[in-house]
Amino acid sequence: MSKEIDHSNVDYITCPNCGRQDHDSTESLSLHGEQGAKEECDKCGCEFKWTADISVTYTTEKIP
């Protein structure tokens, strides 16, 4: 039985085949944007596609 790999809504681009996490995911995001790209896993060689879910929040404060 194969282990289920958590690859949805995670902090890094994660290969859905072997679970390898790309800790330089922000570099991929700056190159390809939130629509993502096809990528080949450095560990297992399988190809997969990633997209980024981006959320922006704001903080305000009073000016004295």
N, C-alpha and C. Protein backbone atom coordinates (compact mmCIF):
# COMPACT_ATOMS: atom_id res chain seq x y z
N MET A 1 0.84 -1.17 0.00
CA MET A 1 0.00 0.00 0.00
C MET A 1 0.89 1.24 0.00
N SER A 2 0.60 2.20 -0.87
CA SER A 2 1.44 3.39 -0.97
C SER A 2 0.98 4.46 0.03
N LYS A 3 1.92 5.25 0.48
CA LYS A 3 1.66 6.31 1.45
C LYS A 3 1.01 7.50 0.73
N GLU A 4 -0.03 8.07 1.33
CA GLU A 4 -0.70 9.25 0.77
C GLU A 4 0.21 10.47 0.97
N ILE A 5 0.45 11.22 -0.09
CA ILE A 5 1.34 12.38 -0.05
C ILE A 5 0.50 13.65 0.01
N ASP A 6 0.75 14.47 1.03
CA ASP A 6 0.05 15.74 1.19
C ASP A 6 0.68 16.75 0.23
N HIS A 7 -0.08 17.13 -0.83
CA HIS A 7 0.48 18.04 -1.82
C HIS A 7 -0.48 19.16 -2.19
N SER A 8 -1.58 19.30 -1.46
CA SER A 8 -2.55 20.38 -1.71
C SER A 8 -2.51 21.38 -0.56
N ASN A 9 -2.50 22.66 -0.90
CA ASN A 9 -2.48 23.73 0.11
C ASN A 9 -1.31 23.57 1.09
N VAL A 10 -0.12 23.36 0.54
CA VAL A 10 1.08 23.20 1.37
C VAL A 10 2.01 24.39 1.17
N ASP A 11 3.02 24.52 2.02
CA ASP A 11 3.90 25.69 2.00
C ASP A 11 4.93 25.68 0.87
N TYR A 12 5.22 24.51 0.31
CA TYR A 12 6.23 24.39 -0.74
C TYR A 12 5.67 23.59 -1.90
N ILE A 13 6.21 23.80 -3.11
CA ILE A 13 5.85 22.95 -4.25
C ILE A 13 6.28 21.53 -3.86
N THR A 14 5.33 20.60 -3.91
CA THR A 14 5.57 19.24 -3.45
C THR A 14 5.23 18.26 -4.56
N CYS A 15 6.16 17.39 -4.89
CA CYS A 15 5.91 16.38 -5.91
C CYS A 15 4.79 15.46 -5.44
N PRO A 16 3.71 15.33 -6.22
CA PRO A 16 2.60 14.46 -5.82
C PRO A 16 2.92 12.97 -5.96
N ASN A 17 4.06 12.67 -6.58
CA ASN A 17 4.45 11.27 -6.79
C ASN A 17 5.33 10.72 -5.66
N CYS A 18 6.33 11.52 -5.23
CA CYS A 18 7.26 11.03 -4.21
C CYS A 18 7.29 11.87 -2.94
N GLY A 19 6.71 13.07 -2.97
CA GLY A 19 6.65 13.91 -1.77
C GLY A 19 7.80 14.88 -1.60
N ARG A 20 8.75 14.93 -2.54
CA ARG A 20 9.87 15.86 -2.41
C ARG A 20 9.34 17.29 -2.39
N GLN A 21 9.83 18.10 -1.43
CA GLN A 21 9.44 19.50 -1.32
C GLN A 21 10.53 20.39 -1.89
N ASP A 22 10.11 21.38 -2.69
CA ASP A 22 11.04 22.36 -3.27
C ASP A 22 11.07 23.57 -2.35
N HIS A 23 12.12 23.66 -1.54
CA HIS A 23 12.22 24.76 -0.58
C HIS A 23 12.60 26.08 -1.23
N ASP A 24 12.80 26.09 -2.55
CA ASP A 24 13.02 27.32 -3.32
C ASP A 24 11.77 27.65 -4.14
N SER A 25 10.60 27.34 -3.62
CA SER A 25 9.36 27.53 -4.35
C SER A 25 9.12 28.99 -4.72
N THR A 26 9.57 29.94 -3.90
CA THR A 26 9.37 31.35 -4.23
C THR A 26 10.13 31.73 -5.50
N GLU A 27 11.24 31.06 -5.77
CA GLU A 27 11.98 31.31 -7.02
C GLU A 27 11.15 30.85 -8.22
N SER A 28 10.51 29.69 -8.11
CA SER A 28 9.65 29.20 -9.18
C SER A 28 8.46 30.12 -9.38
N LEU A 29 7.92 30.64 -8.28
CA LEU A 29 6.79 31.56 -8.36
C LEU A 29 7.19 32.84 -9.07
N SER A 30 8.37 33.38 -8.77
CA SER A 30 8.80 34.62 -9.42
C SER A 30 9.08 34.40 -10.91
N LEU A 31 9.47 33.20 -11.30
CA LEU A 31 9.73 32.91 -12.72
C LEU A 31 8.44 32.66 -13.51
N HIS A 32 7.46 32.00 -12.89
CA HIS A 32 6.28 31.55 -13.63
C HIS A 32 4.97 32.20 -13.22
N GLY A 33 4.92 32.87 -12.09
CA GLY A 33 3.68 33.48 -11.62
C GLY A 33 2.76 32.45 -10.99
N GLU A 34 1.61 32.92 -10.51
CA GLU A 34 0.72 32.04 -9.76
C GLU A 34 0.06 30.96 -10.61
N GLN A 35 0.06 31.13 -11.94
CA GLN A 35 -0.53 30.10 -12.80
C GLN A 35 0.36 28.86 -12.88
N GLY A 36 1.61 29.01 -12.41
CA GLY A 36 2.49 27.86 -12.30
C GLY A 36 3.08 27.39 -13.61
N ALA A 37 3.56 26.16 -13.56
CA ALA A 37 4.25 25.58 -14.71
C ALA A 37 4.33 24.07 -14.54
N LYS A 38 4.73 23.40 -15.62
CA LYS A 38 5.07 21.99 -15.51
C LYS A 38 6.47 21.92 -14.94
N GLU A 39 6.71 20.91 -14.12
CA GLU A 39 8.01 20.77 -13.49
C GLU A 39 8.37 19.29 -13.42
N GLU A 40 9.65 19.01 -13.52
CA GLU A 40 10.12 17.64 -13.36
C GLU A 40 10.76 17.53 -11.99
N CYS A 41 10.37 16.53 -11.24
CA CYS A 41 10.89 16.33 -9.89
C CYS A 41 12.37 15.95 -9.94
N ASP A 42 13.17 16.63 -9.13
CA ASP A 42 14.61 16.34 -9.05
C ASP A 42 14.89 14.98 -8.43
N LYS A 43 13.94 14.46 -7.64
CA LYS A 43 14.16 13.19 -6.94
C LYS A 43 13.71 11.98 -7.77
N CYS A 44 12.44 12.00 -8.23
CA CYS A 44 11.90 10.81 -8.91
C CYS A 44 11.80 10.95 -10.43
N GLY A 45 11.96 12.18 -10.95
CA GLY A 45 11.94 12.40 -12.38
C GLY A 45 10.55 12.51 -13.00
N CYS A 46 9.51 12.37 -12.19
CA CYS A 46 8.14 12.48 -12.72
C CYS A 46 7.79 13.94 -12.98
N GLU A 47 6.96 14.14 -13.99
CA GLU A 47 6.52 15.49 -14.34
C GLU A 47 5.17 15.77 -13.66
N PHE A 48 5.00 16.99 -13.17
CA PHE A 48 3.75 17.40 -12.57
C PHE A 48 3.56 18.89 -12.81
N LYS A 49 2.36 19.39 -12.57
CA LYS A 49 2.06 20.80 -12.74
C LYS A 49 1.72 21.39 -11.38
N TRP A 50 2.16 22.63 -11.16
CA TRP A 50 1.82 23.31 -9.91
C TRP A 50 1.18 24.66 -10.20
N THR A 51 0.38 25.11 -9.28
CA THR A 51 -0.19 26.46 -9.29
C THR A 51 -0.05 27.01 -7.88
N ALA A 52 -0.06 28.33 -7.76
CA ALA A 52 0.08 28.97 -6.46
C ALA A 52 -1.25 29.60 -6.05
N ASP A 53 -1.61 29.43 -4.80
CA ASP A 53 -2.77 30.08 -4.22
C ASP A 53 -2.25 31.23 -3.37
N ILE A 54 -2.52 32.45 -3.80
CA ILE A 54 -1.94 33.62 -3.14
C ILE A 54 -3.03 34.37 -2.39
N SER A 55 -2.74 34.70 -1.16
CA SER A 55 -3.66 35.47 -0.33
C SER A 55 -2.93 36.70 0.20
N VAL A 56 -3.58 37.84 0.10
CA VAL A 56 -2.99 39.08 0.59
C VAL A 56 -3.84 39.59 1.74
N THR A 57 -3.20 39.98 2.81
CA THR A 57 -3.90 40.59 3.93
C THR A 57 -3.27 41.95 4.21
N TYR A 58 -4.03 42.81 4.85
CA TYR A 58 -3.54 44.16 5.15
C TYR A 58 -3.71 44.45 6.63
N THR A 59 -2.81 45.25 7.14
CA THR A 59 -2.88 45.73 8.51
C THR A 59 -2.84 47.25 8.47
N THR A 60 -3.68 47.87 9.25
CA THR A 60 -3.67 49.34 9.32
C THR A 60 -3.45 49.76 10.77
N GLU A 61 -2.98 50.97 10.93
CA GLU A 61 -2.84 51.51 12.28
C GLU A 61 -3.09 53.01 12.24
N LYS A 62 -3.52 53.50 13.34
CA LYS A 62 -3.81 54.92 13.45
C LYS A 62 -2.50 55.73 13.43
N ILE A 63 -2.56 56.90 12.82
CA ILE A 63 -1.42 57.81 12.82
C ILE A 63 -1.66 58.81 13.95
N PRO A 64 -0.72 58.91 14.89
CA PRO A 64 -0.92 59.84 16.01
C PRO A 64 -0.92 61.30 15.57
